[in-house]
N, C-alpha and C. Protein backbone atom coordinates (compact mmCIF):
# COMPACT_ATOMS: atom_id res chain seq x y z
N MET A 1 109.36 105.56 145.73
CA MET A 1 109.52 106.78 144.63
C MET A 1 110.25 106.04 143.25
N PHE A 2 111.10 104.92 143.74
CA PHE A 2 111.53 104.05 142.44
C PHE A 2 110.26 103.77 141.47
N SER A 3 109.49 103.59 141.97
CA SER A 3 108.44 102.76 140.85
C SER A 3 107.63 104.18 140.88
N ASN A 4 107.11 105.39 141.38
CA ASN A 4 106.74 106.36 140.35
C ASN A 4 107.07 106.80 139.30
N HIS A 5 108.75 106.68 138.88
CA HIS A 5 109.35 106.92 138.41
C HIS A 5 109.16 106.27 137.02
N VAL A 6 109.09 104.85 137.45
CA VAL A 6 108.68 103.41 136.39
C VAL A 6 107.13 103.56 135.88
N ALA A 7 106.61 104.65 136.89
CA ALA A 7 104.81 104.45 135.83
C ALA A 7 105.33 105.58 135.13
N LEU A 8 105.41 106.63 135.64
CA LEU A 8 105.85 108.12 134.72
C LEU A 8 106.65 107.40 133.55
N PHE A 9 107.78 106.44 133.21
CA PHE A 9 108.24 106.36 132.23
C PHE A 9 107.11 105.31 130.94
N ALA A 10 106.47 104.58 131.47
CA ALA A 10 105.34 103.80 131.36
C ALA A 10 104.52 104.69 130.47
N LEU A 11 103.65 105.69 131.00
CA LEU A 11 102.82 105.67 130.29
C LEU A 11 103.37 107.46 129.67
N LEU A 12 105.06 107.46 128.94
CA LEU A 12 105.07 108.07 128.06
C LEU A 12 105.27 107.19 126.60
N PRO A 13 104.60 108.40 125.15
CA PRO A 13 103.92 107.48 124.36
C PRO A 13 105.40 107.25 123.36
N LEU A 14 105.79 106.47 123.46
CA LEU A 14 107.34 106.23 122.97
C LEU A 14 106.63 105.55 121.39
N SER A 15 105.75 105.28 121.05
CA SER A 15 105.24 105.53 119.35
C SER A 15 103.85 105.07 119.15
N ALA A 16 102.92 105.69 117.94
CA ALA A 16 101.28 105.91 118.37
C ALA A 16 101.15 106.10 116.71
N ALA A 17 100.66 105.10 116.18
CA ALA A 17 100.36 105.71 114.85
C ALA A 17 99.28 106.87 114.75
N HIS A 18 99.11 107.50 113.39
CA HIS A 18 98.59 108.62 113.43
C HIS A 18 96.94 107.87 112.66
N PHE A 19 96.64 106.93 112.33
CA PHE A 19 95.75 106.17 111.95
C PHE A 19 96.03 105.00 111.36
N VAL A 20 94.79 103.74 111.34
CA VAL A 20 94.91 103.10 111.11
C VAL A 20 93.61 102.17 110.32
N LEU A 21 93.50 101.77 109.05
CA LEU A 21 92.88 101.78 107.92
C LEU A 21 92.76 100.11 108.49
N THR A 22 91.04 99.64 109.17
CA THR A 22 90.73 98.37 109.90
C THR A 22 90.01 97.72 108.84
N TRP A 23 89.39 98.49 108.33
CA TRP A 23 88.71 97.39 107.29
C TRP A 23 88.46 98.63 106.22
N PRO A 24 88.20 97.83 104.50
CA PRO A 24 88.62 96.66 104.34
C PRO A 24 90.37 96.53 105.19
N PRO A 25 90.25 94.94 105.55
CA PRO A 25 92.09 95.25 105.92
C PRO A 25 93.04 95.77 105.37
N ASN A 26 94.03 96.34 105.97
CA ASN A 26 95.17 97.07 105.07
C ASN A 26 95.87 95.72 104.57
N ARG A 27 96.98 96.28 103.83
CA ARG A 27 98.12 95.26 103.30
C ARG A 27 99.16 95.41 104.63
N GLY A 28 99.28 95.78 105.37
CA GLY A 28 100.11 96.06 106.61
C GLY A 28 100.00 97.29 107.33
N PHE A 29 100.89 97.02 108.11
CA PHE A 29 101.13 99.27 108.93
C PHE A 29 102.78 98.49 109.63
N ARG A 30 103.34 99.87 109.14
CA ARG A 30 104.07 100.50 110.76
C ARG A 30 104.53 101.70 109.99
N ASP A 31 104.03 102.56 111.61
CA ASP A 31 103.80 103.62 111.62
C ASP A 31 105.41 104.61 111.28
N ASP A 32 106.16 104.42 111.10
CA ASP A 32 107.34 104.68 110.06
C ASP A 32 107.49 104.66 108.85
N ASP A 33 106.48 104.08 108.81
CA ASP A 33 106.76 103.66 107.08
C ASP A 33 105.44 104.18 106.53
N ALA A 34 104.61 105.11 107.45
CA ALA A 34 103.31 105.51 106.95
C ALA A 34 103.51 106.99 105.93
N VAL A 35 104.52 107.15 106.06
CA VAL A 35 104.09 108.53 104.96
C VAL A 35 104.78 107.85 103.76
N LYS A 36 105.45 106.81 103.17
CA LYS A 36 106.04 106.42 102.46
C LYS A 36 104.75 106.00 101.23
N PHE A 37 104.74 106.77 100.23
CA PHE A 37 103.75 106.74 98.94
C PHE A 37 104.19 105.61 98.29
N PRO A 38 103.25 104.80 97.85
CA PRO A 38 101.66 104.99 97.98
C PRO A 38 101.05 104.06 99.07
N CYS A 39 101.53 103.15 99.71
CA CYS A 39 101.28 102.42 100.45
C CYS A 39 101.73 101.96 101.77
N GLY A 40 102.65 103.17 102.12
CA GLY A 40 102.67 103.39 103.61
C GLY A 40 103.74 102.18 103.66
N GLY A 41 104.61 102.12 102.68
CA GLY A 41 105.68 101.07 102.50
C GLY A 41 105.17 99.62 102.18
N PHE A 42 104.39 99.41 102.02
CA PHE A 42 104.20 97.78 101.97
C PHE A 42 103.79 98.23 100.40
N ASP A 43 104.31 97.58 99.42
CA ASP A 43 104.69 97.52 97.78
C ASP A 43 103.51 96.60 97.27
N SER A 44 104.08 95.83 98.03
CA SER A 44 103.44 94.47 97.42
C SER A 44 101.86 94.17 97.90
N VAL A 45 101.09 93.54 96.34
CA VAL A 45 99.69 93.67 97.21
C VAL A 45 99.49 92.24 98.44
N SER A 46 98.59 92.09 98.75
CA SER A 46 98.53 91.53 99.66
C SER A 46 98.08 89.93 98.60
N SER A 47 98.26 88.60 99.48
CA SER A 47 98.07 87.49 98.97
C SER A 47 96.50 87.09 98.86
N THR A 48 95.99 87.72 100.18
CA THR A 48 94.17 87.61 99.94
C THR A 48 93.41 88.77 99.36
N ARG A 49 92.71 88.94 98.78
CA ARG A 49 91.78 90.10 98.48
C ARG A 49 90.40 90.10 99.71
N THR A 50 89.87 91.23 100.16
CA THR A 50 88.65 90.96 100.41
C THR A 50 87.70 91.99 99.33
N PRO A 51 86.33 91.14 99.45
CA PRO A 51 84.97 91.08 98.79
C PRO A 51 85.20 92.92 99.26
N TRP A 52 84.30 93.63 98.35
CA TRP A 52 84.42 94.84 98.56
C TRP A 52 83.13 95.22 97.57
N PRO A 53 81.98 95.99 97.76
CA PRO A 53 80.80 96.12 97.13
C PRO A 53 80.72 97.69 96.07
N LEU A 54 80.59 97.02 94.83
CA LEU A 54 80.45 98.14 93.97
C LEU A 54 79.55 99.20 94.27
N ASN A 55 78.61 98.73 94.88
CA ASN A 55 77.65 99.74 95.13
C ASN A 55 77.68 100.21 96.13
N GLY A 56 78.76 100.34 97.04
CA GLY A 56 78.66 100.87 98.66
C GLY A 56 79.15 100.16 99.60
N GLY A 57 80.26 100.59 100.45
CA GLY A 57 80.53 99.67 101.33
C GLY A 57 81.23 100.66 102.83
N PRO A 58 81.51 100.23 103.31
CA PRO A 58 82.04 101.40 104.62
C PRO A 58 83.74 100.78 104.35
N ILE A 59 84.22 102.17 104.96
CA ILE A 59 85.90 102.46 105.03
C ILE A 59 85.57 102.69 106.88
N GLN A 60 86.25 100.99 107.18
CA GLN A 60 86.64 102.12 108.66
C GLN A 60 87.92 101.88 109.05
N LEU A 61 88.48 103.11 110.11
CA LEU A 61 89.10 103.66 110.10
C LEU A 61 89.56 103.57 111.63
N ASP A 62 91.04 103.65 111.85
CA ASP A 62 91.26 104.14 113.85
C ASP A 62 92.16 105.33 113.96
N MET A 63 91.36 106.35 114.14
CA MET A 63 91.77 107.79 114.33
C MET A 63 92.75 108.04 115.43
N HIS A 64 94.24 108.92 115.32
CA HIS A 64 94.51 108.92 116.54
C HIS A 64 94.71 110.52 116.87
N HIS A 65 94.45 111.17 115.93
CA HIS A 65 94.76 112.67 115.91
C HIS A 65 93.44 113.08 115.95
N THR A 66 92.96 114.53 116.63
CA THR A 66 92.08 114.89 117.02
C THR A 66 91.16 115.53 115.92
N GLN A 67 92.19 116.08 114.65
CA GLN A 67 91.96 116.94 113.80
C GLN A 67 92.68 115.81 112.18
N THR A 68 91.89 115.74 111.27
CA THR A 68 92.63 115.04 110.04
C THR A 68 91.66 115.24 108.96
N ARG A 69 92.44 115.30 108.01
CA ARG A 69 92.12 115.60 106.93
C ARG A 69 91.85 114.14 106.09
N ILE A 70 90.99 113.73 105.38
CA ILE A 70 91.35 112.10 104.31
C ILE A 70 90.80 112.29 103.00
N GLU A 71 91.12 111.70 102.21
CA GLU A 71 91.29 111.37 100.98
C GLU A 71 90.95 109.33 100.86
N LEU A 72 89.86 109.67 99.67
CA LEU A 72 90.23 107.77 99.53
C LEU A 72 89.82 107.81 98.00
N LEU A 73 90.92 107.29 97.21
CA LEU A 73 91.12 107.32 96.27
C LEU A 73 91.22 105.38 96.04
N LEU A 74 91.18 105.00 94.49
CA LEU A 74 91.12 103.81 94.19
C LEU A 74 92.17 103.17 92.68
N ALA A 75 92.38 102.13 93.12
CA ALA A 75 93.18 102.37 91.81
C ALA A 75 92.74 100.50 91.55
N ILE A 76 92.57 100.28 90.20
CA ILE A 76 91.71 98.90 89.20
C ILE A 76 93.11 98.61 88.70
N GLY A 77 92.74 96.94 89.59
CA GLY A 77 93.82 96.11 88.29
C GLY A 77 94.40 95.01 89.72
N SER A 78 94.70 94.34 89.39
CA SER A 78 95.77 93.12 90.25
C SER A 78 97.17 94.10 90.57
N GLU A 79 97.80 94.55 89.66
CA GLU A 79 99.19 95.36 90.24
C GLU A 79 99.56 96.57 89.92
N PRO A 80 98.47 97.63 90.90
CA PRO A 80 98.11 98.91 90.49
C PRO A 80 99.49 99.74 90.62
N GLY A 81 100.21 99.44 91.00
CA GLY A 81 101.94 100.80 91.57
C GLY A 81 100.99 101.58 92.10
N SER A 82 101.12 102.68 91.16
CA SER A 82 101.05 103.59 92.19
C SER A 82 99.77 104.61 91.66
N ASN A 83 99.18 104.25 90.47
CA ASN A 83 98.18 104.31 89.77
C ASN A 83 96.78 104.36 90.28
N PHE A 84 96.49 105.39 91.45
CA PHE A 84 95.34 105.63 92.23
C PHE A 84 94.54 106.77 91.46
N ASN A 85 93.72 106.77 90.53
CA ASN A 85 93.35 107.79 89.91
C ASN A 85 91.69 107.79 90.13
N VAL A 86 91.16 107.12 90.89
CA VAL A 86 89.75 107.26 90.91
C VAL A 86 89.49 107.19 92.22
N VAL A 87 88.91 108.65 92.37
CA VAL A 87 88.54 109.39 94.02
C VAL A 87 87.26 108.98 94.22
N LEU A 88 87.38 107.61 95.72
CA LEU A 88 86.03 107.35 95.67
C LEU A 88 85.60 108.06 96.63
N ARG A 89 86.09 109.19 97.69
CA ARG A 89 85.57 110.24 98.77
C ARG A 89 86.72 111.45 98.68
N PRO A 90 86.22 112.38 97.86
CA PRO A 90 87.15 113.36 97.90
C PRO A 90 87.32 114.12 99.49
N THR A 91 88.31 115.06 99.82
CA THR A 91 88.81 115.49 100.96
C THR A 91 87.69 115.55 102.25
N VAL A 92 87.80 115.05 103.03
CA VAL A 92 86.84 115.30 104.13
C VAL A 92 87.85 116.04 105.33
N ALA A 93 87.07 116.25 106.30
CA ALA A 93 88.01 117.22 107.48
C ALA A 93 87.11 116.01 108.72
N GLN A 94 87.84 115.36 109.83
CA GLN A 94 87.06 114.89 110.38
C GLN A 94 88.10 115.17 111.93
N GLU A 95 86.68 115.13 112.73
CA GLU A 95 87.31 115.47 114.28
C GLU A 95 86.96 114.25 114.73
N GLY A 96 88.26 114.01 116.30
CA GLY A 96 87.58 112.83 117.19
C GLY A 96 88.82 111.66 117.15
N LEU A 97 88.69 110.91 118.14
CA LEU A 97 89.48 109.87 118.53
C LEU A 97 89.14 108.74 118.45
N GLY A 98 89.67 107.45 117.77
CA GLY A 98 89.26 106.24 117.96
C GLY A 98 88.38 105.65 116.71
N ASP A 99 87.45 104.68 116.89
CA ASP A 99 86.64 104.82 115.90
C ASP A 99 86.00 105.69 114.32
N PHE A 100 85.91 105.59 113.48
CA PHE A 100 85.83 106.57 112.54
C PHE A 100 85.22 105.58 111.16
N CYS A 101 84.02 105.59 110.82
CA CYS A 101 83.67 104.83 109.50
C CYS A 101 83.04 105.98 108.57
N LEU A 102 83.86 105.92 107.31
CA LEU A 102 83.40 106.85 106.18
C LEU A 102 82.12 105.76 105.50
N GLY A 103 80.97 105.92 105.34
CA GLY A 103 80.00 104.85 105.22
C GLY A 103 79.36 104.90 103.57
N GLN A 104 78.88 103.55 103.19
CA GLN A 104 78.42 103.75 101.96
C GLN A 104 79.21 104.50 101.00
N VAL A 105 80.54 104.18 100.90
CA VAL A 105 81.55 104.76 99.97
C VAL A 105 81.00 103.73 98.60
N SER A 106 81.25 104.15 97.53
CA SER A 106 80.68 103.29 96.43
C SER A 106 81.80 103.92 95.28
N VAL A 107 82.31 103.30 93.91
CA VAL A 107 82.79 103.52 92.82
C VAL A 107 81.87 103.79 92.19
N PRO A 108 82.04 105.14 91.30
CA PRO A 108 81.61 105.90 90.68
C PRO A 108 81.04 105.43 88.90
N SER A 109 80.07 105.91 89.33
CA SER A 109 79.45 105.17 88.28
C SER A 109 80.02 105.65 86.73
N GLY A 110 79.90 104.67 85.48
CA GLY A 110 80.53 105.00 84.07
C GLY A 110 82.03 104.63 83.93
N LEU A 111 82.22 103.74 85.00
CA LEU A 111 83.35 102.92 84.82
C LEU A 111 83.53 102.05 84.06
N ASN A 112 82.57 101.13 84.24
CA ASN A 112 82.08 99.99 83.41
C ASN A 112 83.07 99.08 84.25
N ILE A 113 82.88 98.38 85.55
CA ILE A 113 83.72 97.93 85.99
C ILE A 113 82.97 96.34 86.34
N SER A 114 83.78 95.06 85.69
CA SER A 114 82.58 93.95 86.27
C SER A 114 82.74 93.52 87.83
N ASP A 115 82.15 92.47 87.77
CA ASP A 115 81.86 91.52 89.18
C ASP A 115 83.07 90.96 89.24
N GLY A 116 84.35 90.81 90.51
CA GLY A 116 85.12 90.42 90.58
C GLY A 116 86.71 91.46 90.00
N THR A 117 86.54 92.07 89.67
CA THR A 117 87.40 92.92 89.39
C THR A 117 88.57 93.20 90.33
N PRO A 118 89.68 92.96 90.14
CA PRO A 118 90.94 93.41 91.30
C PRO A 118 91.04 94.97 91.54
N ALA A 119 91.35 95.68 92.81
CA ALA A 119 91.22 97.13 93.07
C ALA A 119 92.21 96.63 94.07
N THR A 120 92.64 98.34 94.45
CA THR A 120 93.17 98.91 95.85
C THR A 120 92.92 99.85 96.56
N ILE A 121 92.16 99.98 97.21
CA ILE A 121 91.70 101.16 97.87
C ILE A 121 92.75 102.05 99.00
N GLN A 122 93.14 103.41 98.43
CA GLN A 122 94.10 103.76 99.52
C GLN A 122 93.49 104.80 99.86
N VAL A 123 93.64 104.73 101.76
CA VAL A 123 93.48 106.01 102.24
C VAL A 123 94.76 106.89 102.54
N VAL A 124 94.29 108.39 102.03
CA VAL A 124 95.72 109.57 102.60
C VAL A 124 94.83 110.51 103.37
N SER A 125 95.83 110.68 104.55
CA SER A 125 95.45 111.55 105.49
C SER A 125 96.54 112.46 105.52
N ASN A 126 96.28 113.80 106.42
CA ASN A 126 97.11 115.09 106.45
C ASN A 126 97.89 114.39 107.77
N GLY A 127 98.01 113.43 108.32
CA GLY A 127 99.15 113.69 109.80
C GLY A 127 100.44 113.66 109.90
N ASP A 128 101.33 113.93 108.73
CA ASP A 128 102.43 114.10 108.69
C ASP A 128 102.64 115.95 108.44
N PRO A 129 103.68 116.52 109.29
CA PRO A 129 103.47 117.91 108.46
C PRO A 129 104.17 118.06 107.58
N ASP A 130 105.03 117.01 106.97
CA ASP A 130 105.47 117.30 105.56
C ASP A 130 104.82 116.64 104.45
N GLY A 131 103.97 116.14 104.73
CA GLY A 131 102.97 115.45 103.35
C GLY A 131 102.31 114.44 104.00
N GLY A 132 101.92 113.60 103.14
CA GLY A 132 100.55 112.57 103.65
C GLY A 132 101.11 111.42 104.25
N LEU A 133 99.86 110.56 105.13
CA LEU A 133 100.51 109.39 105.13
C LEU A 133 99.12 108.69 104.48
N TYR A 134 99.83 106.84 104.38
CA TYR A 134 99.05 106.22 103.26
C TYR A 134 99.07 104.75 103.91
N GLN A 135 97.85 104.56 104.03
CA GLN A 135 97.41 102.77 103.85
C GLN A 135 96.80 102.50 102.71
N CYS A 136 96.84 100.89 102.33
CA CYS A 136 96.21 100.74 100.96
C CYS A 136 95.18 99.09 101.63
N ALA A 137 94.08 99.28 100.87
CA ALA A 137 93.74 97.25 101.21
C ALA A 137 93.29 97.28 99.55
N ASP A 138 93.74 96.06 99.50
CA ASP A 138 93.28 95.25 98.71
C ASP A 138 92.31 94.33 98.23
N VAL A 139 91.18 94.53 97.07
CA VAL A 139 90.24 94.24 97.46
C VAL A 139 89.75 93.68 96.33
N THR A 140 88.88 93.14 96.08
CA THR A 140 88.02 92.22 94.46
C THR A 140 86.42 93.22 94.45
N LEU A 141 86.16 94.01 93.46
CA LEU A 141 84.88 94.76 93.45
C LEU A 141 84.18 93.56 92.98
N THR A 142 82.83 94.08 94.08
CA THR A 142 81.85 92.59 94.04
C THR A 142 80.42 93.64 93.87
N THR A 143 79.38 93.09 92.84
CA THR A 143 77.60 93.30 92.65
C THR A 143 77.40 92.69 93.72
N THR A 144 77.50 91.63 94.59
CA THR A 144 77.21 91.30 95.85
C THR A 144 77.19 92.62 97.14
N PRO A 145 76.17 92.76 97.19
CA PRO A 145 75.88 93.97 98.66
C PRO A 145 76.75 93.46 99.81
N LEU A 146 77.24 93.97 100.99
CA LEU A 146 77.00 93.50 101.99
C LEU A 146 76.10 93.33 103.11
N SER A 147 75.86 92.59 103.66
CA SER A 147 74.20 92.13 104.49
C SER A 147 74.68 93.33 105.56
N SER A 148 73.40 93.58 106.65
CA SER A 148 73.12 94.45 107.13
C SER A 148 74.24 94.50 108.33
N SER A 149 73.88 92.90 108.74
CA SER A 149 74.69 92.53 109.97
C SER A 149 76.35 92.92 109.59
N ASP A 150 77.36 92.44 108.18
CA ASP A 150 78.45 92.50 108.16
C ASP A 150 78.34 94.10 107.84
N TYR A 151 77.65 94.79 107.56
CA TYR A 151 77.84 96.38 107.31
C TYR A 151 78.21 96.68 108.55
N ASP A 152 77.36 96.67 109.45
CA ASP A 152 77.01 97.40 110.64
C ASP A 152 78.37 96.67 111.79
N SER A 153 78.68 95.64 111.40
CA SER A 153 80.09 95.07 111.89
C SER A 153 81.36 95.67 111.66
N ASN A 154 81.36 96.19 110.43
CA ASN A 154 82.69 97.10 109.88
C ASN A 154 82.35 98.53 109.96
N CYS A 155 81.24 99.00 110.30
CA CYS A 155 80.98 100.77 110.37
C CYS A 155 81.46 100.88 111.86
N LYS A 156 81.61 101.49 112.47
CA LYS A 156 81.51 102.19 113.87
C LYS A 156 82.04 103.64 114.06
N ASN A 157 81.48 104.23 114.84
CA ASN A 157 82.30 105.76 114.73
C ASN A 157 81.96 105.54 116.66
N ASN A 158 83.31 106.07 117.55
CA ASN A 158 83.42 106.11 118.70
C ASN A 158 82.61 107.83 118.90
N THR A 159 82.00 108.00 120.00
CA THR A 159 81.54 109.03 120.29
C THR A 159 82.62 110.38 120.28
N GLY A 160 81.18 111.49 119.72
CA GLY A 160 82.19 112.59 119.10
C GLY A 160 82.96 112.46 118.13
N VAL A 161 82.86 111.45 117.18
CA VAL A 161 83.87 111.40 115.77
C VAL A 161 83.28 111.68 114.81
N LYS A 162 83.38 112.86 113.62
CA LYS A 162 82.31 113.50 113.08
C LYS A 162 83.27 113.93 112.25
N VAL A 163 82.78 113.74 110.80
CA VAL A 163 82.71 114.32 109.75
C VAL A 163 82.09 116.45 110.31
N THR A 164 83.08 116.79 109.93
CA THR A 164 83.07 118.15 110.02
C THR A 164 83.20 119.38 108.76
N SER A 165 83.68 118.75 107.80
CA SER A 165 83.38 119.68 106.21
C SER A 165 83.27 118.42 105.34
N GLU A 166 82.83 118.56 104.22
CA GLU A 166 83.11 117.42 102.85
C GLU A 166 83.88 118.35 101.41
N ASN A 167 84.00 117.64 100.82
CA ASN A 167 84.45 118.27 99.40
C ASN A 167 85.57 119.24 100.00
N ILE A 168 86.57 119.00 99.81
CA ILE A 168 87.46 119.94 100.44
C ILE A 168 88.55 120.27 99.27
N GLN A 169 88.72 121.54 98.97
CA GLN A 169 89.61 121.71 97.96
C GLN A 169 91.35 121.36 98.43
N GLY A 170 91.48 120.77 97.52
CA GLY A 170 93.20 119.90 97.71
C GLY A 170 93.09 118.86 98.20
N ASN A 171 94.60 117.96 98.14
CA ASN A 171 95.14 117.07 98.76
C ASN A 171 95.07 116.61 99.83
N PRO A 172 95.18 115.80 100.82
CA PRO A 172 95.28 116.00 102.59
C PRO A 172 97.16 115.81 102.29
N ASN A 173 97.76 115.21 101.25
CA ASN A 173 99.01 114.36 101.44
C ASN A 173 99.85 115.88 101.10
N GLU A 174 99.30 117.40 100.76
CA GLU A 174 100.08 118.62 100.74
C GLU A 174 100.46 118.83 102.05
N THR A 175 101.76 119.86 102.45
CA THR A 175 101.84 120.10 103.66
C THR A 175 101.01 120.32 104.78
N THR A 176 100.99 120.19 105.63
CA THR A 176 100.04 120.39 106.61
C THR A 176 100.50 121.50 107.44
N SER A 177 101.61 122.15 107.25
CA SER A 177 101.73 122.93 108.35
C SER A 177 101.04 124.13 108.34
N GLY A 178 101.30 124.86 110.06
CA GLY A 178 100.17 125.55 109.85
C GLY A 178 98.54 124.80 110.43
N THR A 179 98.40 123.90 110.18
CA THR A 179 97.03 123.01 110.28
C THR A 179 96.93 122.37 111.59
N PRO A 180 95.84 122.74 112.45
CA PRO A 180 95.91 122.42 113.56
C PRO A 180 95.35 120.74 113.59
N THR A 181 96.69 120.39 114.31
CA THR A 181 96.24 118.90 114.64
C THR A 181 96.88 118.32 115.92
N ALA A 182 96.86 117.31 116.03
CA ALA A 182 97.22 116.38 117.18
C ALA A 182 98.70 115.97 117.33
N ASN A 183 99.78 115.93 118.59
CA ASN A 183 100.64 115.45 118.48
C ASN A 183 100.48 113.96 119.13
N HIS A 184 101.26 112.98 119.29
CA HIS A 184 100.93 111.69 119.78
C HIS A 184 100.15 111.14 121.61
N SER A 185 99.98 112.67 122.15
CA SER A 185 99.66 112.49 123.20
C SER A 185 97.96 113.37 123.17
N GLY A 186 97.78 113.80 121.95
CA GLY A 186 96.53 113.60 121.96
C GLY A 186 96.02 115.40 122.04
N HIS A 187 97.29 115.99 122.35
CA HIS A 187 97.00 117.78 122.62
C HIS A 187 96.50 118.56 121.30
N ALA A 188 96.35 119.68 121.42
CA ALA A 188 95.99 120.14 120.00
C ALA A 188 97.78 121.03 120.24
N ALA A 189 98.23 120.67 118.12
CA ALA A 189 99.46 121.29 118.16
C ALA A 189 99.55 122.19 116.62
N SER A 190 100.38 122.80 117.02
CA SER A 190 100.71 123.25 115.00
C SER A 190 101.26 122.18 114.68
N ALA A 191 100.97 121.42 113.36
CA ALA A 191 101.36 120.44 112.32
C ALA A 191 102.54 121.42 111.87
N SER A 192 103.77 122.27 112.53
CA SER A 192 105.15 122.83 111.93
C SER A 192 106.06 121.82 112.14
N SER A 193 107.14 121.87 111.15
CA SER A 193 108.33 121.06 111.45
C SER A 193 109.19 121.42 112.56
N THR A 194 108.67 122.61 113.05
CA THR A 194 110.04 122.77 114.07
C THR A 194 108.91 122.38 115.66
N GLY A 195 107.33 122.56 115.10
CA GLY A 195 106.94 122.34 116.49
C GLY A 195 106.98 120.79 116.87
N LEU A 196 106.85 120.14 115.70
CA LEU A 196 107.40 118.64 116.23
C LEU A 196 108.52 118.36 116.27
N ALA A 197 109.35 118.96 116.37
CA ALA A 197 111.08 118.58 116.62
C ALA A 197 110.79 119.16 117.89
N ALA A 198 110.23 120.07 118.36
CA ALA A 198 110.20 120.91 119.86
C ALA A 198 109.23 119.30 120.69
N GLN A 199 108.33 119.06 120.36
CA GLN A 199 107.06 118.05 120.90
C GLN A 199 108.46 116.79 121.02
N GLN A 200 109.53 116.12 120.00
CA GLN A 200 110.29 115.11 120.11
C GLN A 200 111.31 115.16 121.07
N THR A 201 111.81 116.42 121.13
CA THR A 201 113.56 117.02 121.97
C THR A 201 112.67 116.80 123.43
N MET A 202 111.38 117.46 123.52
CA MET A 202 111.09 117.74 124.88
C MET A 202 110.44 116.24 125.67
N ALA A 203 110.28 115.06 124.62
CA ALA A 203 109.78 113.94 125.06
C ALA A 203 111.00 112.88 125.36
N THR A 204 112.23 113.21 124.68
CA THR A 204 113.50 112.84 124.99
C THR A 204 113.99 113.21 125.82
N TRP A 205 113.86 114.31 126.05
CA TRP A 205 114.40 115.15 126.99
C TRP A 205 113.54 114.69 128.73
N VAL A 206 112.33 114.20 128.44
CA VAL A 206 111.75 113.75 129.86
C VAL A 206 112.25 112.37 129.78
N MET A 207 112.48 111.68 128.94
CA MET A 207 112.44 110.09 129.05
C MET A 207 113.87 110.01 129.66
N GLY A 208 115.11 110.68 128.72
CA GLY A 208 116.31 111.16 129.60
C GLY A 208 116.80 111.18 131.10
N ALA A 209 115.67 112.21 131.70
CA ALA A 209 115.41 112.70 132.79
C ALA A 209 114.73 111.63 133.84
N VAL A 210 114.07 111.25 133.58
CA VAL A 210 113.07 109.79 133.94
C VAL A 210 114.10 108.64 133.97
N GLY A 211 115.06 108.45 133.31
CA GLY A 211 115.84 107.30 132.90
C GLY A 211 117.02 107.50 134.01
N LEU A 212 117.59 108.69 133.97
CA LEU A 212 118.91 109.24 134.82
C LEU A 212 117.95 108.96 136.48
N ALA A 213 116.61 109.48 137.28
CA ALA A 213 116.20 109.61 138.23
C ALA A 213 116.35 108.32 138.81
N GLY A 214 115.84 106.85 138.00
CA GLY A 214 115.78 105.72 137.93
C GLY A 214 116.81 105.30 138.13
N VAL A 215 117.82 105.78 137.42
CA VAL A 215 119.26 104.97 138.30
C VAL A 215 119.73 105.57 139.20
N ALA A 216 120.08 106.84 139.71
CA ALA A 216 120.01 107.50 140.69
C ALA A 216 119.65 106.87 141.79
N LEU A 217 118.16 105.93 141.72
CA LEU A 217 117.53 105.69 142.86
C LEU A 217 117.72 104.09 142.93
N LEU A 218 118.80 103.69 142.23
CA LEU A 218 119.06 102.13 142.37
C LEU A 218 120.10 101.95 143.48
């Protein structure tokens, strides 16, 4: 009996990311800090930068919500701060869990950016009920395109993962209250603060109940 309670406790989602930027490699990731603008709590640039092609490259994400809105922005310079004023990809609606690739993302023409320019890519999603979630990747913009093998190895989509709508008006970091999204267990839920609090309260109650049951059986 006690082993069954332990197994149940192990299955409870103690912490789960909303999304993770996997390529270009992100500055760093902490789920609790993902709400912090502009780069999820990582304000210092990376010590190494990833070459990223001006003429188009993939943005690879690992999605942990069944429905998400995403926008890609760019800041030019070695120390961009919060100056993400170049739109790489307007807001899109995406659905599905796991690997998701926004392919052939390119720097807009007319910016007169030279080979070797440092920059930072910012990914913004609407996974938090009170605003956006943020992750950044520091890159060096290059005129050298990715090889086909490098492109394919950094651009993968899980089964059923897709873009459902493009060029959506508004930014993902606006409040998502009333927008269908998913809780950390992957079930559809309303992204309101009240709803999220109720989910967290229930999770806490279940964890406490399991813990008490385990103690009683010792």
